[in-house]
């Protein structure tokens, strides 16, 4: 049986940043990350990687502000890493101006008015705000880079599933698909949308998190480095210029709930395309014909939209981290810091 101080279950962006944060705070701490598939192979692999300096609740805004500063420093430390700053244009009904002022952080520096983007058709009842402070990332590539820095002080086990979990007052025992076991003083669960399918499902159920399908269309039109991300705030949708990939990504809010990540089809359905094109027609009708491809997956959503960092047992040996409501990348640094704070207590 292997003995460690902390075991992290899940090697997506949240799991890897959690291991990084715990190791940075206590370099002598022994840490193992266990991942049933490939590193960054779940929701992180399908992530748009878009960071907005905004939050719908005070807690979400605090998480977003922390993550904003974290990623800004990360880019300063590693200028060649795949984080790409960009401006933002936010479209919303004029009556929502007070809500926008509360939701968007000062980092965004939103200014009302000005011209619209050539791709955008501004509805008669809406106005546009222009700002800064956004970026997007190649999340799987970034996660692998971060994991590469950890390998000399954190053990990473890919292709190893946790099939049994037994917390007690002194720690937690993990039973592995390979036949081995790990005994950890603390266990951090960062399973992404697999929160209801592992041996932890009964422990996680009281948190009230649900899994929702996520759809994004690829718009076959090449963006430029000067293009901003176009945010349609009323519908919680956006057009992201993915310059490095040569297309725009159109993400809209799909309302298919309580799905399983193992059962979600990786292919777009005609219903998905029709829903996305209907919304796209309101803001950029000439792009409908170019919306011919896309990506499909799912994520875990918390009851209030902010990430969950919660102990799952009375002794606090087992901690859940995630349910970031489609914003796992955006909230990951703050989630990792909250986990480290909880482990320290």
Protein backbone atom coordinates (compact mmCIF):
# COMPACT_ATOMS: atom_id res chain seq x y z
CA UNK A 1 0.00 0.00 0.00
CA UNK A 2 1.36 3.39 -1.00
CA UNK A 3 1.27 6.12 1.68
CA UNK A 4 0.93 9.83 0.71
CA UNK A 5 -0.12 13.05 2.34
CA UNK A 6 -2.62 14.02 -0.38
CA UNK A 7 -4.21 12.14 -3.28
CA UNK A 8 -5.92 14.17 -6.02
CA UNK A 9 -8.47 12.27 -8.11
CA UNK A 10 -8.75 13.77 -11.59
CA UNK A 11 -6.07 15.30 -13.82
CA UNK A 12 -8.00 18.04 -15.56
CA UNK A 13 -7.11 21.70 -15.14
CA UNK A 14 -8.64 21.79 -11.61
CA UNK A 15 -6.86 18.65 -10.43
CA UNK A 16 -3.48 19.70 -11.81
CA UNK A 17 -3.70 23.25 -10.44
CA UNK A 18 -4.77 21.85 -7.06
CA UNK A 19 -1.69 19.61 -6.97
CA UNK A 20 0.44 22.58 -8.03
CA UNK A 21 -0.99 24.82 -5.30
CA UNK A 22 -0.61 22.19 -2.56
CA UNK A 23 2.96 21.44 -3.60
CA UNK A 24 3.88 25.13 -3.78
CA UNK A 25 2.58 25.81 -0.27
CA UNK A 26 4.27 22.77 1.27
CA UNK A 27 7.10 21.43 -0.95
CA UNK A 28 7.74 18.50 1.39
CA UNK A 29 4.17 17.25 1.10
CA UNK A 30 3.84 13.93 -0.78
CA UNK A 31 1.16 14.14 -3.49
CA UNK A 32 -0.18 11.71 -6.06
CA UNK A 33 -2.63 12.55 -8.88
CA UNK A 34 -4.75 9.63 -10.12
CA UNK A 35 -6.53 9.89 -13.49
CA UNK A 36 -8.73 7.18 -14.99
CA UNK A 37 -8.05 8.32 -18.56
CA UNK A 38 -5.56 10.68 -20.15
CA UNK A 39 -4.27 13.82 -18.49
CA UNK A 40 -6.56 16.72 -19.53
CA UNK A 41 -8.65 14.21 -21.45
CA UNK A 42 -12.13 14.99 -20.08
CA UNK A 43 -13.92 18.34 -19.93
CA UNK A 44 -10.55 20.13 -20.07
CA UNK A 45 -9.88 18.68 -23.53
CA UNK A 46 -13.15 20.10 -24.89
CA UNK A 47 -12.95 23.44 -23.06
CA UNK A 48 -13.12 26.72 -24.97
CA UNK A 49 -10.70 28.07 -22.36
CA UNK A 50 -12.31 31.51 -22.29
CA UNK A 51 -11.70 33.70 -19.26
CA UNK A 52 -14.15 36.53 -18.49
CA UNK A 53 -13.44 38.88 -15.55
CA UNK A 54 -17.01 38.50 -14.31
CA UNK A 55 -19.23 36.59 -11.90
CA UNK A 56 -22.94 36.35 -11.24
CA UNK A 57 -22.53 36.16 -7.43
CA UNK A 58 -20.09 37.76 -4.96
CA UNK A 59 -18.33 34.41 -4.51
CA UNK A 60 -18.05 33.86 -8.27
CA UNK A 61 -16.66 37.39 -8.69
CA UNK A 62 -14.07 36.76 -5.97
CA UNK A 63 -13.04 33.52 -7.67
CA UNK A 64 -12.88 35.24 -11.06
CA UNK A 65 -10.71 38.07 -9.71
CA UNK A 66 -8.26 35.64 -8.12
CA UNK A 67 -8.03 33.55 -11.29
CA UNK A 68 -7.60 36.68 -13.43
CA UNK A 69 -4.51 37.73 -11.48
CA UNK A 70 -3.19 34.16 -11.40
CA UNK A 71 -3.34 33.72 -15.18
CA UNK A 72 -1.89 37.20 -15.77
CA UNK A 73 1.13 36.26 -13.67
CA UNK A 74 1.39 32.86 -15.36
CA UNK A 75 1.59 34.55 -18.76
CA UNK A 76 4.25 36.96 -17.47
CA UNK A 77 6.28 34.02 -16.18
CA UNK A 78 5.79 31.97 -19.37
CA UNK A 79 5.19 34.30 -22.37
CA UNK A 80 5.30 31.42 -24.86
CA UNK A 81 2.55 29.41 -23.15
CA UNK A 82 -0.84 29.10 -24.94
CA UNK A 83 -2.73 31.97 -23.28
CA UNK A 84 -4.00 34.58 -25.72
CA UNK A 85 -5.27 37.97 -24.45
CA UNK A 86 -8.16 39.58 -26.31
CA UNK A 87 -10.66 42.41 -25.96
CA UNK A 88 -14.38 41.95 -25.43
CA UNK A 89 -17.60 43.42 -26.82
CA UNK A 90 -20.64 42.75 -24.64
CA UNK A 91 -24.14 43.01 -26.11
CA UNK A 92 -27.14 43.33 -23.80
CA UNK A 93 -30.43 45.14 -23.45
CA UNK A 94 -29.90 48.71 -22.28
CA UNK A 95 -32.02 48.07 -19.18
CA UNK A 96 -29.40 45.56 -18.03
CA UNK A 97 -26.67 48.18 -17.67
CA UNK A 98 -26.77 48.15 -13.81
CA UNK A 99 -26.53 44.34 -13.80
CA UNK A 100 -23.52 44.44 -16.11
CA UNK A 101 -21.78 46.95 -13.88
CA UNK A 102 -22.20 44.60 -10.94
CA UNK A 103 -21.33 41.39 -12.80
CA UNK A 104 -18.18 42.50 -14.62
CA UNK A 105 -15.08 43.22 -12.56
CA UNK A 106 -13.05 46.41 -12.81
CA UNK A 107 -10.49 44.37 -14.76
CA UNK A 108 -12.88 44.47 -17.74
CA UNK A 109 -13.09 48.28 -17.86
CA UNK A 110 -16.33 48.17 -19.84
CA UNK A 111 -17.24 51.35 -21.74
CA UNK A 112 -20.71 51.81 -23.21
CA UNK A 113 -21.16 52.73 -26.86
CA UNK A 114 -18.96 52.77 -29.92
CA UNK A 115 -19.13 50.80 -33.14
CA UNK A 116 -20.13 47.17 -33.39
CA UNK A 117 -18.03 44.39 -34.86
CA UNK A 118 -18.52 43.77 -38.61
CA UNK A 119 -19.80 40.26 -37.91
CA UNK A 120 -22.43 41.46 -35.46
CA UNK A 121 -25.96 42.67 -36.08
CA UNK A 122 -26.97 44.78 -33.06
CA UNK A 123 -30.66 44.22 -32.18
CA UNK A 124 -32.76 47.38 -31.85
CA UNK A 125 -33.33 46.85 -28.12
CA UNK A 126 -29.64 46.31 -27.30
CA UNK A 127 -26.47 48.30 -26.79
CA UNK A 128 -22.81 47.28 -26.82
CA UNK A 129 -20.06 47.72 -24.22
CA UNK A 130 -16.37 47.41 -25.11
CA UNK A 131 -13.70 46.27 -22.68
CA UNK A 132 -10.51 44.38 -21.98
CA UNK A 133 -9.23 41.77 -19.57
CA UNK A 134 -10.26 38.58 -21.36
CA UNK A 135 -8.11 35.78 -22.70
CA UNK A 136 -8.51 32.27 -23.97
CA UNK A 137 -6.22 29.29 -23.61
CA UNK A 138 -5.49 25.97 -25.20
CA UNK A 139 -6.58 24.23 -21.99
CA UNK A 140 -5.32 20.68 -22.65
CA UNK A 141 -1.93 21.99 -23.82
CA UNK A 142 -1.69 24.32 -20.82
CA UNK A 143 -2.67 21.53 -18.43
CA UNK A 144 0.06 19.29 -19.85
CA UNK A 145 2.62 22.07 -19.48
CA UNK A 146 1.63 22.62 -15.86
CA UNK A 147 1.74 18.88 -15.19
CA UNK A 148 5.18 18.67 -16.78
CA UNK A 149 6.49 21.14 -14.21
CA UNK A 150 5.10 18.97 -11.40
CA UNK A 151 6.57 15.61 -12.33
CA UNK A 152 9.73 16.04 -10.27
CA UNK A 153 7.73 16.50 -7.06
CA UNK A 154 4.23 15.08 -7.71
CA UNK A 155 3.46 11.54 -8.86
CA UNK A 156 1.05 11.42 -11.82
CA UNK A 157 -0.77 8.17 -12.57
CA UNK A 158 -2.74 8.14 -15.82
CA UNK A 159 -5.02 5.30 -16.92
CA UNK A 160 -5.69 4.31 -13.30
CA UNK A 161 -9.27 4.49 -12.00
CA UNK A 162 -10.34 4.77 -8.38
CA UNK A 163 -12.83 1.94 -7.84
CA UNK A 164 -13.15 2.15 -4.06
CA UNK A 165 -13.05 4.93 -1.49
CA UNK A 166 -13.02 4.49 2.30
CA UNK A 167 -12.60 7.65 4.44
CA UNK A 168 -12.04 7.44 8.19
CA UNK A 169 -10.84 9.72 10.98
CA UNK A 170 -7.18 9.31 10.06
CA UNK A 171 -7.30 9.49 6.28
CA UNK A 172 -8.74 7.73 3.28
CA UNK A 173 -7.99 4.50 1.43
CA UNK A 174 -8.29 4.46 -2.36
CA UNK A 175 -8.68 1.13 -4.13
CA UNK A 176 -7.37 1.24 -7.71
CA UNK A 177 -8.37 -0.48 -10.94
CA UNK A 178 -4.81 -1.83 -11.18
CA UNK A 179 -5.30 -3.81 -7.98
CA UNK A 180 -3.24 -1.56 -5.73
CA UNK A 181 -4.26 0.78 -2.94
CA UNK A 182 -3.25 4.24 -1.81
CA UNK A 183 -3.53 5.47 1.76
CA UNK A 184 -3.79 9.27 1.89
CA UNK A 185 -4.11 11.71 4.75
CA UNK A 186 -6.31 13.89 2.53
CA UNK A 187 -8.14 13.16 -0.75
CA UNK A 188 -9.28 15.85 -3.17
CA UNK A 189 -11.95 14.77 -5.62
CA UNK A 190 -11.84 16.71 -8.91
CA UNK A 191 -13.76 14.33 -11.19
CA UNK A 192 -15.29 16.95 -13.51
CA UNK A 193 -18.64 15.70 -14.87
CA UNK A 194 -17.99 12.18 -13.52
CA UNK A 195 -19.15 13.19 -10.05
CA UNK A 196 -22.16 10.84 -10.15
CA UNK A 197 -20.46 7.77 -11.63
CA UNK A 198 -17.56 6.96 -9.29
CA UNK A 199 -17.39 5.39 -5.82
CA UNK A 200 -17.89 8.89 -4.40
CA UNK A 201 -21.36 9.42 -5.94
CA UNK A 202 -23.30 8.94 -2.69
CA UNK A 203 -20.95 11.30 -0.84
CA UNK A 204 -21.29 13.97 -3.53
CA UNK A 205 -25.06 13.69 -4.01
CA UNK A 206 -26.01 16.07 -1.12
CA UNK A 207 -24.11 18.91 -2.84
CA UNK A 208 -26.93 19.16 -5.39
CA UNK A 209 -24.68 19.41 -8.46
CA UNK A 210 -26.10 18.37 -11.84
CA UNK A 211 -24.49 17.56 -15.18
CA UNK A 212 -25.51 19.53 -18.27
CA UNK A 213 -24.67 19.13 -21.94
CA UNK A 214 -22.42 21.79 -23.50
CA UNK A 215 -22.55 22.63 -27.21
CA UNK A 216 -20.29 24.87 -29.30
CA UNK A 217 -20.33 25.35 -33.07
CA UNK A 218 -17.26 26.01 -35.19
CA UNK A 219 -17.85 28.93 -37.56
CA UNK A 220 -15.85 28.38 -40.72
CA UNK A 221 -14.61 31.94 -41.08
CA UNK A 222 -11.06 32.98 -40.20
CA UNK A 223 -10.71 35.56 -37.35
CA UNK A 224 -7.84 38.00 -36.93
CA UNK A 225 -5.69 38.84 -33.90
CA UNK A 226 -7.56 42.15 -33.57
CA UNK A 227 -10.98 40.54 -33.23
CA UNK A 228 -12.61 40.68 -29.75
CA UNK A 229 -14.71 37.99 -28.15
CA UNK A 230 -18.37 38.89 -28.76
CA UNK A 231 -20.51 38.19 -25.69
CA UNK A 232 -24.31 38.05 -25.91
CA UNK A 233 -24.99 38.52 -22.22
CA UNK A 234 -28.76 38.11 -22.20
CA UNK A 235 -28.46 34.59 -23.65
CA UNK A 236 -25.16 33.64 -21.99
CA UNK A 237 -23.59 32.95 -25.39
CA UNK A 238 -20.40 34.09 -27.09
CA UNK A 239 -18.43 34.15 -30.34
CA UNK A 240 -14.77 33.45 -29.62
CA UNK A 241 -12.10 34.19 -32.27
CA UNK A 242 -9.83 31.15 -32.11
CA UNK A 243 -7.10 32.67 -34.25
CA UNK A 244 -4.63 29.83 -33.78
CA UNK A 245 -7.19 27.30 -35.06
CA UNK A 246 -8.54 29.44 -37.88
CA UNK A 247 -12.22 29.58 -36.92
CA UNK A 248 -14.74 31.23 -34.60
CA UNK A 249 -16.30 29.24 -31.77
CA UNK A 250 -19.96 29.90 -31.02
CA UNK A 251 -21.03 28.69 -27.58
CA UNK A 252 -24.65 28.87 -26.46
CA UNK A 253 -26.49 27.59 -23.39
CA UNK A 254 -27.91 24.15 -24.13
CA UNK A 255 -30.67 23.06 -21.72
CA UNK A 256 -30.16 19.28 -21.71
CA UNK A 257 -29.67 18.30 -18.06
CA UNK A 258 -28.76 15.20 -16.07
CA UNK A 259 -26.67 13.61 -18.79
CA UNK A 260 -23.78 11.18 -18.31
CA UNK A 261 -20.31 11.99 -19.66
CA UNK A 262 -19.97 8.36 -20.72
CA UNK A 263 -23.24 8.50 -22.68
CA UNK A 264 -22.99 11.95 -24.32
CA UNK A 265 -22.46 11.60 -28.05
CA UNK A 266 -19.40 13.40 -29.38
CA UNK A 267 -21.35 14.29 -32.53
CA UNK A 268 -23.64 17.27 -33.01
CA UNK A 269 -27.32 16.49 -33.48
CA UNK A 270 -29.63 18.31 -35.86
CA UNK A 271 -31.43 19.69 -32.80
CA UNK A 272 -28.18 21.13 -31.40
CA UNK A 273 -27.34 22.81 -34.70
CA UNK A 274 -30.86 24.20 -35.10
CA UNK A 275 -30.87 25.69 -31.58
CA UNK A 276 -27.48 27.31 -32.05
CA UNK A 277 -28.31 28.68 -35.50
CA UNK A 278 -31.57 30.16 -34.22
CA UNK A 279 -29.70 32.20 -31.61
CA UNK A 280 -26.89 33.01 -34.02
CA UNK A 281 -29.47 34.41 -36.46
CA UNK A 282 -30.41 37.13 -33.94
CA UNK A 283 -26.88 38.55 -33.78
CA UNK A 284 -25.01 37.35 -36.88
CA UNK A 285 -27.47 35.93 -39.43
CA UNK A 286 -24.88 35.76 -42.20
CA UNK A 287 -22.85 33.25 -40.17
CA UNK A 288 -25.58 30.59 -40.07
CA UNK A 289 -24.38 28.85 -43.21
CA UNK A 290 -20.80 28.74 -41.89
CA UNK A 291 -21.85 26.94 -38.67
CA UNK A 292 -21.27 23.42 -39.99
CA UNK A 293 -19.17 21.72 -37.29
CA UNK A 294 -18.62 21.84 -33.55
CA UNK A 295 -17.96 20.04 -30.27
CA UNK A 296 -20.18 18.35 -27.71
CA UNK A 297 -19.55 17.38 -24.09
CA UNK A 298 -20.88 18.19 -20.63
CA UNK A 299 -19.93 19.65 -17.26
CA UNK A 300 -21.10 19.65 -13.67
CA UNK A 301 -23.10 22.66 -12.47
CA UNK A 302 -23.50 23.81 -8.87
CA UNK A 303 -26.83 25.14 -7.56
CA UNK A 304 -25.65 28.80 -7.70
CA UNK A 305 -23.16 28.60 -10.58
CA UNK A 306 -20.06 29.15 -8.42
CA UNK A 307 -17.55 26.30 -7.93
CA UNK A 308 -18.00 23.93 -5.01
CA UNK A 309 -15.13 23.31 -2.59
CA UNK A 310 -16.67 21.21 0.17
CA UNK A 311 -15.58 18.59 2.74
CA UNK A 312 -17.50 15.34 2.29
CA UNK A 313 -16.81 13.70 5.65
CA UNK A 314 -16.91 14.93 9.26
CA UNK A 315 -13.13 14.74 9.67
CA UNK A 316 -12.51 16.82 6.54
CA UNK A 317 -10.25 14.15 5.04
CA UNK A 318 -12.20 14.06 1.79
CA UNK A 319 -12.78 17.26 -0.21
CA UNK A 320 -14.79 17.81 -3.39
CA UNK A 321 -13.63 20.47 -5.85
CA UNK A 322 -15.49 21.33 -9.03
CA UNK A 323 -19.02 21.75 -10.39
CA UNK A 324 -17.80 25.01 -11.93
CA UNK A 325 -20.83 25.31 -14.22
CA UNK A 326 -18.99 25.31 -17.52
CA UNK A 327 -16.24 27.59 -16.20
CA UNK A 328 -13.75 25.05 -14.86
CA UNK A 329 -10.81 26.73 -16.57
CA UNK A 330 -11.91 30.24 -15.56
CA UNK A 331 -12.27 29.35 -11.89
CA UNK A 332 -9.54 26.68 -11.61
CA UNK A 333 -6.80 28.76 -9.89
CA UNK A 334 -9.22 30.08 -7.28
CA UNK A 335 -10.71 26.63 -6.77
CA UNK A 336 -7.22 25.20 -6.19
CA UNK A 337 -6.44 27.94 -3.67
CA UNK A 338 -9.70 27.30 -1.82
CA UNK A 339 -8.87 23.59 -1.63
CA UNK A 340 -5.41 24.39 -0.24
CA UNK A 341 -6.97 26.68 2.37
CA UNK A 342 -9.38 23.94 3.40
CA UNK A 343 -6.65 21.30 3.58
CA UNK A 344 -4.54 23.64 5.72
CA UNK A 345 -7.40 24.06 8.19
